[in-house]
PDB file of all heavy atoms in Angstrom:
ATOM      1  N   PHE A   1      80.923 110.884  74.959  1.00  0.00           N
ATOM      2  CA  PHE A   1      80.200 110.001  75.865  1.00  0.00           C
ATOM      3  C   PHE A   1      81.123 108.856  76.251  1.00  0.00           C
ATOM      4  O   PHE A   1      81.807 108.333  75.376  1.00  0.00           O
ATOM      5  CB  PHE A   1      78.926 109.474  75.182  1.00  0.00           C
ATOM      6  CG  PHE A   1      78.113 108.574  76.061  1.00  0.00           C
ATOM      7  CD1 PHE A   1      77.252 109.107  76.980  1.00  0.00           C
ATOM      8  CD2 PHE A   1      78.257 107.212  75.970  1.00  0.00           C
ATOM      9  CE1 PHE A   1      76.506 108.274  77.799  1.00  0.00           C
ATOM     10  CE2 PHE A   1      77.511 106.361  76.787  1.00  0.00           C
ATOM     11  CZ  PHE A   1      76.648 106.925  77.696  1.00  0.00           C
ATOM     12  N   PRO A   2      81.222 108.477  77.470  1.00  0.00           N
ATOM     13  CA  PRO A   2      80.446 108.799  78.643  1.00  0.00           C
ATOM     14  C   PRO A   2      81.086 109.829  79.572  1.00  0.00           C
ATOM     15  O   PRO A   2      80.997 109.705  80.779  1.00  0.00           O
ATOM     16  CB  PRO A   2      80.319 107.462  79.336  1.00  0.00           C
ATOM     17  CG  PRO A   2      81.668 106.824  79.120  1.00  0.00           C
ATOM     18  CD  PRO A   2      82.074 107.286  77.728  1.00  0.00           C
ATOM     19  N   ALA A   3      81.711 110.840  79.039  1.00  0.00           N
ATOM     20  CA  ALA A   3      82.437 111.799  79.873  1.00  0.00           C
ATOM     21  C   ALA A   3      81.518 112.732  80.665  1.00  0.00           C
ATOM     22  O   ALA A   3      82.007 113.465  81.504  1.00  0.00           O
ATOM     23  CB  ALA A   3      83.384 112.635  79.010  1.00  0.00           C
ATOM     24  N   GLY A   4      80.237 112.716  80.429  1.00  0.00           N
ATOM     25  CA  GLY A   4      79.318 113.562  81.180  1.00  0.00           C
ATOM     26  C   GLY A   4      79.118 113.054  82.597  1.00  0.00           C
ATOM     27  O   GLY A   4      79.693 112.043  83.017  1.00  0.00           O
ATOM     28  N   ILE A   5      78.292 113.773  83.349  1.00  0.00           N
ATOM     29  CA  ILE A   5      78.019 113.386  84.729  1.00  0.00           C
ATOM     30  C   ILE A   5      76.573 113.659  85.074  1.00  0.00           C
ATOM     31  O   ILE A   5      75.979 114.646  84.618  1.00  0.00           O
ATOM     32  CB  ILE A   5      78.976 114.103  85.709  1.00  0.00           C
ATOM     33  CG1 ILE A   5      78.844 113.539  87.137  1.00  0.00           C
ATOM     34  CG2 ILE A   5      78.739 115.625  85.687  1.00  0.00           C
ATOM     35  CD1 ILE A   5      79.959 113.963  88.057  1.00  0.00           C
ATOM     36  N   CYS A   6      75.994 112.781  85.860  1.00  0.00           N
ATOM     37  CA  CYS A   6      74.611 112.947  86.314  1.00  0.00           C
ATOM     38  C   CYS A   6      74.517 114.071  87.331  1.00  0.00           C
ATOM     39  O   CYS A   6      75.493 114.412  88.018  1.00  0.00           O
ATOM     40  CB  CYS A   6      74.112 111.666  86.957  1.00  0.00           C
ATOM     41  SG  CYS A   6      74.013 110.241  85.861  1.00  0.00           S
ATOM     42  N   ALA A   7      73.332 114.623  87.482  1.00  0.00           N
ATOM     43  CA  ALA A   7      73.091 115.712  88.434  1.00  0.00           C
ATOM     44  C   ALA A   7      73.431 115.312  89.867  1.00  0.00           C
ATOM     45  O   ALA A   7      74.051 116.090  90.605  1.00  0.00           O
ATOM     46  CB  ALA A   7      71.640 116.166  88.347  1.00  0.00           C
ATOM     47  N   GLU A   8      73.028 114.119  90.250  1.00  0.00           N
ATOM     48  CA  GLU A   8      73.241 113.689  91.625  1.00  0.00           C
ATOM     49  C   GLU A   8      74.739 113.594  91.951  1.00  0.00           C
ATOM     50  O   GLU A   8      75.182 114.079  92.997  1.00  0.00           O
ATOM     51  CB  GLU A   8      72.573 112.328  91.872  1.00  0.00           C
ATOM     52  CG  GLU A   8      71.091 112.305  91.636  1.00  0.00           C
ATOM     53  CD  GLU A   8      70.702 111.911  90.224  1.00  0.00           C
ATOM     54  OE1 GLU A   8      71.522 112.081  89.285  1.00  0.00           O
ATOM     55  OE2 GLU A   8      69.578 111.447  90.041  1.00  0.00           O
ATOM     56  N   ARG A   9      75.509 112.987  91.066  1.00  0.00           N
ATOM     57  CA  ARG A   9      76.935 112.855  91.325  1.00  0.00           C
ATOM     58  C   ARG A   9      77.632 114.198  91.240  1.00  0.00           C
ATOM     59  O   ARG A   9      78.550 114.475  92.014  1.00  0.00           O
ATOM     60  CB  ARG A   9      77.569 111.852  90.369  1.00  0.00           C
ATOM     61  CG  ARG A   9      77.248 110.426  90.794  1.00  0.00           C
ATOM     62  CD  ARG A   9      77.867 109.399  89.905  1.00  0.00           C
ATOM     63  NE  ARG A   9      77.126 109.363  88.642  1.00  0.00           N
ATOM     64  CZ  ARG A   9      77.682 109.214  87.468  1.00  0.00           C
ATOM     65  NH1 ARG A   9      78.986 109.109  87.317  1.00  0.00           N
ATOM     66  NH2 ARG A   9      76.924 109.185  86.391  1.00  0.00           N
ATOM     67  N   ASN A  10      77.200 115.053  90.324  1.00  0.00           N
ATOM     68  CA  ASN A  10      77.758 116.413  90.237  1.00  0.00           C
ATOM     69  C   ASN A  10      77.597 117.089  91.606  1.00  0.00           C
ATOM     70  O   ASN A  10      78.546 117.623  92.164  1.00  0.00           O
ATOM     71  CB  ASN A  10      77.027 117.176  89.138  1.00  0.00           C
ATOM     72  CG  ASN A  10      77.530 118.578  88.900  1.00  0.00           C
ATOM     73  OD1 ASN A  10      78.196 119.170  89.732  1.00  0.00           O
ATOM     74  ND2 ASN A  10      77.222 119.108  87.754  1.00  0.00           N
ATOM     75  N   LEU A  11      76.409 117.033  92.142  1.00  0.00           N
ATOM     76  CA  LEU A  11      76.114 117.631  93.441  1.00  0.00           C
ATOM     77  C   LEU A  11      76.898 116.970  94.573  1.00  0.00           C
ATOM     78  O   LEU A  11      77.540 117.631  95.393  1.00  0.00           O
ATOM     79  CB  LEU A  11      74.607 117.546  93.729  1.00  0.00           C
ATOM     80  CG  LEU A  11      74.156 117.834  95.159  1.00  0.00           C
ATOM     81  CD1 LEU A  11      74.503 119.242  95.576  1.00  0.00           C
ATOM     82  CD2 LEU A  11      72.668 117.572  95.296  1.00  0.00           C
ATOM     83  N   LEU A  12      76.873 115.650  94.625  1.00  0.00           N
ATOM     84  CA  LEU A  12      77.499 114.943  95.744  1.00  0.00           C
ATOM     85  C   LEU A  12      79.016 115.093  95.756  1.00  0.00           C
ATOM     86  O   LEU A  12      79.618 115.244  96.827  1.00  0.00           O
ATOM     87  CB  LEU A  12      77.091 113.462  95.724  1.00  0.00           C
ATOM     88  CG  LEU A  12      75.611 113.209  95.968  1.00  0.00           C
ATOM     89  CD1 LEU A  12      75.255 111.765  95.654  1.00  0.00           C
ATOM     90  CD2 LEU A  12      75.221 113.572  97.372  1.00  0.00           C
ATOM     91  N   PHE A  13      79.648 115.084  94.601  1.00  0.00           N
ATOM     92  CA  PHE A  13      81.097 115.285  94.541  1.00  0.00           C
ATOM     93  C   PHE A  13      81.471 116.711  94.925  1.00  0.00           C
ATOM     94  O   PHE A  13      82.455 116.945  95.595  1.00  0.00           O
ATOM     95  CB  PHE A  13      81.655 114.905  93.164  1.00  0.00           C
ATOM     96  CG  PHE A  13      81.525 113.438  92.848  1.00  0.00           C
ATOM     97  CD1 PHE A  13      81.423 113.020  91.524  1.00  0.00           C
ATOM     98  CD2 PHE A  13      81.499 112.453  93.838  1.00  0.00           C
ATOM     99  CE1 PHE A  13      81.322 111.668  91.196  1.00  0.00           C
ATOM    100  CE2 PHE A  13      81.376 111.101  93.523  1.00  0.00           C
ATOM    101  CZ  PHE A  13      81.290 110.709  92.189  1.00  0.00           C
ATOM    102  N   HIS A  14      80.654 117.668  94.479  1.00  0.00           N
ATOM    103  CA  HIS A  14      80.894 119.062  94.857  1.00  0.00           C
ATOM    104  C   HIS A  14      80.724 119.236  96.378  1.00  0.00           C
ATOM    105  O   HIS A  14      81.523 119.918  97.025  1.00  0.00           O
ATOM    106  CB  HIS A  14      79.949 120.008  94.096  1.00  0.00           C
ATOM    107  CG  HIS A  14      80.113 121.434  94.463  1.00  0.00           C
ATOM    108  ND1 HIS A  14      81.245 122.159  94.121  1.00  0.00           N
ATOM    109  CD2 HIS A  14      79.324 122.291  95.149  1.00  0.00           C
ATOM    110  CE1 HIS A  14      81.132 123.380  94.579  1.00  0.00           C
ATOM    111  NE2 HIS A  14      79.982 123.496  95.208  1.00  0.00           N
ATOM    112  N   HIS A  15      79.717 118.598  96.914  1.00  0.00           N
ATOM    113  CA  HIS A  15      79.498 118.640  98.384  1.00  0.00           C
ATOM    114  C   HIS A  15      80.717 118.093  99.112  1.00  0.00           C
ATOM    115  O   HIS A  15      81.206 118.674 100.069  1.00  0.00           O
ATOM    116  CB  HIS A  15      78.235 117.856  98.753  1.00  0.00           C
ATOM    117  CG  HIS A  15      78.082 117.641 100.206  1.00  0.00           C
ATOM    118  ND1 HIS A  15      78.487 116.480 100.848  1.00  0.00           N
ATOM    119  CD2 HIS A  15      77.605 118.449 101.189  1.00  0.00           C
ATOM    120  CE1 HIS A  15      78.253 116.562 102.129  1.00  0.00           C
ATOM    121  NE2 HIS A  15      77.715 117.763 102.378  1.00  0.00           N
ATOM    122  N   GLN A  16      81.217 116.940  98.665  1.00  0.00           N
ATOM    123  CA  GLN A  16      82.367 116.341  99.334  1.00  0.00           C
ATOM    124  C   GLN A  16      83.594 117.238  99.243  1.00  0.00           C
ATOM    125  O   GLN A  16      84.386 117.330 100.183  1.00  0.00           O
ATOM    126  CB  GLN A  16      82.688 114.950  98.717  1.00  0.00           C
ATOM    127  CG  GLN A  16      83.840 114.242  99.347  1.00  0.00           C
ATOM    128  CD  GLN A  16      83.630 113.899 100.807  1.00  0.00           C
ATOM    129  OE1 GLN A  16      82.521 113.594 101.236  1.00  0.00           O
ATOM    130  NE2 GLN A  16      84.686 113.977 101.607  1.00  0.00           N
ATOM    131  N   ALA A  17      83.735 117.946  98.132  1.00  0.00           N
ATOM    132  CA  ALA A  17      84.894 118.826  97.936  1.00  0.00           C
ATOM    133  C   ALA A  17      84.787 120.123  98.735  1.00  0.00           C
ATOM    134  O   ALA A  17      85.825 120.688  99.110  1.00  0.00           O
ATOM    135  CB  ALA A  17      85.060 119.132  96.460  1.00  0.00           C
ATOM    136  N   THR A  18      83.577 120.586  98.997  1.00  0.00           N
ATOM    137  CA  THR A  18      83.422 121.925  99.584  1.00  0.00           C
ATOM    138  C   THR A  18      82.794 121.949 100.977  1.00  0.00           C
ATOM    139  O   THR A  18      83.017 122.924 101.707  1.00  0.00           O
ATOM    140  CB  THR A  18      82.590 122.836  98.661  1.00  0.00           C
ATOM    141  OG1 THR A  18      81.294 122.267  98.500  1.00  0.00           O
ATOM    142  CG2 THR A  18      83.261 123.011  97.296  1.00  0.00           C
ATOM    143  N   ALA A  19      82.012 120.952 101.333  1.00  0.00           N
ATOM    144  CA  ALA A  19      81.327 120.999 102.649  1.00  0.00           C
ATOM    145  C   ALA A  19      81.134 119.605 103.229  1.00  0.00           C
ATOM    146  O   ALA A  19      80.031 119.251 103.663  1.00  0.00           O
ATOM    147  CB  ALA A  19      79.981 121.697 102.463  1.00  0.00           C
ATOM    148  N   PRO A  20      82.176 118.790 103.285  1.00  0.00           N
ATOM    149  CA  PRO A  20      81.995 117.403 103.729  1.00  0.00           C
ATOM    150  C   PRO A  20      81.512 117.227 105.155  1.00  0.00           C
ATOM    151  O   PRO A  20      80.949 116.203 105.512  1.00  0.00           O
ATOM    152  CB  PRO A  20      83.382 116.786 103.521  1.00  0.00           C
ATOM    153  CG  PRO A  20      84.315 117.943 103.642  1.00  0.00           C
ATOM    154  CD  PRO A  20      83.581 119.108 103.019  1.00  0.00           C
ATOM    155  N   ASP A  21      81.715 118.241 105.996  1.00  0.00           N
ATOM    156  CA  ASP A  21      81.294 118.144 107.385  1.00  0.00           C
ATOM    157  C   ASP A  21      79.877 118.664 107.627  1.00  0.00           C
ATOM    158  O   ASP A  21      79.397 118.649 108.759  1.00  0.00           O
ATOM    159  CB  ASP A  21      82.283 118.892 108.290  1.00  0.00           C
ATOM    160  CG  ASP A  21      83.669 118.276 108.242  1.00  0.00           C
ATOM    161  OD1 ASP A  21      83.751 117.027 108.115  1.00  0.00           O
ATOM    162  OD2 ASP A  21      84.653 119.025 108.340  1.00  0.00           O
ATOM    163  N   ASP A  22      79.220 119.131 106.564  1.00  0.00           N
ATOM    164  CA  ASP A  22      77.851 119.631 106.643  1.00  0.00           C
ATOM    165  C   ASP A  22      76.942 118.566 106.027  1.00  0.00           C
ATOM    166  O   ASP A  22      76.728 118.518 104.830  1.00  0.00           O
ATOM    167  CB  ASP A  22      77.747 120.963 105.889  1.00  0.00           C
ATOM    168  CG  ASP A  22      76.498 121.753 106.208  1.00  0.00           C
ATOM    169  OD1 ASP A  22      75.671 121.253 107.017  1.00  0.00           O
ATOM    170  OD2 ASP A  22      76.351 122.848 105.666  1.00  0.00           O
ATOM    171  N   SER A  23      76.431 117.655 106.854  1.00  0.00           N
ATOM    172  CA  SER A  23      75.694 116.484 106.381  1.00  0.00           C
ATOM    173  C   SER A  23      74.515 116.831 105.501  1.00  0.00           C
ATOM    174  O   SER A  23      73.822 117.841 105.729  1.00  0.00           O
ATOM    175  CB  SER A  23      75.180 115.683 107.569  1.00  0.00           C
ATOM    176  OG  SER A  23      76.244 115.143 108.313  1.00  0.00           O
ATOM    177  N   ILE A  24      74.268 115.964 104.540  1.00  0.00           N
ATOM    178  CA  ILE A  24      73.085 116.091 103.674  1.00  0.00           C
ATOM    179  C   ILE A  24      71.908 115.445 104.394  1.00  0.00           C
ATOM    180  O   ILE A  24      71.973 114.265 104.792  1.00  0.00           O
ATOM    181  CB  ILE A  24      73.312 115.414 102.316  1.00  0.00           C
ATOM    182  CG1 ILE A  24      74.436 116.124 101.546  1.00  0.00           C
ATOM    183  CG2 ILE A  24      72.018 115.375 101.508  1.00  0.00           C
ATOM    184  CD1 ILE A  24      74.846 115.429 100.264  1.00  0.00           C
ATOM    185  N   LEU A  25      70.838 116.210 104.562  1.00  0.00           N
ATOM    186  CA  LEU A  25      69.634 115.676 105.187  1.00  0.00           C
ATOM    187  C   LEU A  25      68.659 115.152 104.122  1.00  0.00           C
ATOM    188  O   LEU A  25      68.077 114.086 104.278  1.00  0.00           O
ATOM    189  CB  LEU A  25      68.932 116.761 106.001  1.00  0.00           C
ATOM    190  CG  LEU A  25      69.767 117.405 107.117  1.00  0.00           C
ATOM    191  CD1 LEU A  25      68.962 118.463 107.823  1.00  0.00           C
ATOM    192  CD2 LEU A  25      70.261 116.345 108.102  1.00  0.00           C
ATOM    193  N   THR A  26      68.461 115.948 103.064  1.00  0.00           N
ATOM    194  CA  THR A  26      67.482 115.608 102.025  1.00  0.00           C
ATOM    195  C   THR A  26      68.083 115.898 100.667  1.00  0.00           C
ATOM    196  O   THR A  26      68.749 116.929 100.468  1.00  0.00           O
ATOM    197  CB  THR A  26      66.211 116.458 102.192  1.00  0.00           C
ATOM    198  OG1 THR A  26      65.671 116.211 103.492  1.00  0.00           O
ATOM    199  CG2 THR A  26      65.160 116.098 101.140  1.00  0.00           C
ATOM    200  N   LEU A  27      67.852 115.000  99.726  1.00  0.00           N
ATOM    201  CA  LEU A  27      68.288 115.149  98.345  1.00  0.00           C
ATOM    202  C   LEU A  27      67.061 115.073  97.452  1.00  0.00           C
ATOM    203  O   LEU A  27      66.296 114.108  97.535  1.00  0.00           O
ATOM    204  CB  LEU A  27      69.268 114.037  97.981  1.00  0.00           C
ATOM    205  CG  LEU A  27      69.700 113.921  96.516  1.00  0.00           C
ATOM    206  CD1 LEU A  27      70.557 115.111  96.121  1.00  0.00           C
ATOM    207  CD2 LEU A  27      70.468 112.621  96.294  1.00  0.00           C
ATOM    208  N   ALA A  28      66.843 116.100  96.636  1.00  0.00           N
ATOM    209  CA  ALA A  28      65.683 116.119  95.708  1.00  0.00           C
ATOM    210  C   ALA A  28      66.208 116.019  94.278  1.00  0.00           C
ATOM    211  O   ALA A  28      67.234 116.624  93.949  1.00  0.00           O
ATOM    212  CB  ALA A  28      64.867 117.383  95.882  1.00  0.00           C
ATOM    213  N   ILE A  29      65.478 115.276  93.440  1.00  0.00           N
ATOM    214  CA  ILE A  29      65.867 115.079  92.055  1.00  0.00           C
ATOM    215  C   ILE A  29      64.671 115.403  91.173  1.00  0.00           C
ATOM    216  O   ILE A  29      63.552 114.943  91.424  1.00  0.00           O
ATOM    217  CB  ILE A  29      66.296 113.618  91.797  1.00  0.00           C
ATOM    218  CG1 ILE A  29      67.363 113.183  92.831  1.00  0.00           C
ATOM    219  CG2 ILE A  29      66.806 113.441  90.377  1.00  0.00           C
ATOM    220  CD1 ILE A  29      67.503 111.687  92.938  1.00  0.00           C
ATOM    221  N   ALA A  30      64.916 116.237  90.137  1.00  0.00           N
ATOM    222  CA  ALA A  30      63.845 116.663  89.220  1.00  0.00           C
ATOM    223  C   ALA A  30      64.395 116.646  87.793  1.00  0.00           C
ATOM    224  O   ALA A  30      65.613 116.641  87.593  1.00  0.00           O
ATOM    225  CB  ALA A  30      63.366 118.065  89.600  1.00  0.00           C
ATOM    226  N   SER A  31      63.494 116.670  86.824  1.00  0.00           N
ATOM    227  CA  SER A  31      63.957 116.618  85.431  1.00  0.00           C
ATOM    228  C   SER A  31      63.031 117.381  84.471  1.00  0.00           C
ATOM    229  O   SER A  31      61.943 117.771  84.824  1.00  0.00           O
ATOM    230  CB  SER A  31      64.023 115.153  84.964  1.00  0.00           C
ATOM    231  OG  SER A  31      62.725 114.589  84.903  1.00  0.00           O
ATOM    232  N   ASP A  32      63.539 117.578  83.281  1.00  0.00           N
ATOM    233  CA  ASP A  32      62.783 118.106  82.163  1.00  0.00           C
ATOM    234  C   ASP A  32      63.155 117.290  80.936  1.00  0.00           C
ATOM    235  O   ASP A  32      64.345 117.305  80.560  1.00  0.00           O
ATOM    236  CB  ASP A  32      63.107 119.577  81.931  1.00  0.00           C
ATOM    237  CG  ASP A  32      62.341 120.169  80.743  1.00  0.00           C
ATOM    238  OD1 ASP A  32      61.299 119.599  80.365  1.00  0.00           O
ATOM    239  OD2 ASP A  32      62.803 121.164  80.197  1.00  0.00           O
TER     240      ASP A  32
END
């Protein structure tokens, strides 16, 4: 710790790396 990553940043950084020109319209967050 704190080397982990939150779900939102995991998703957003992956998006920037793979599809930065495909805008995000909606972001949903859920948990267990």
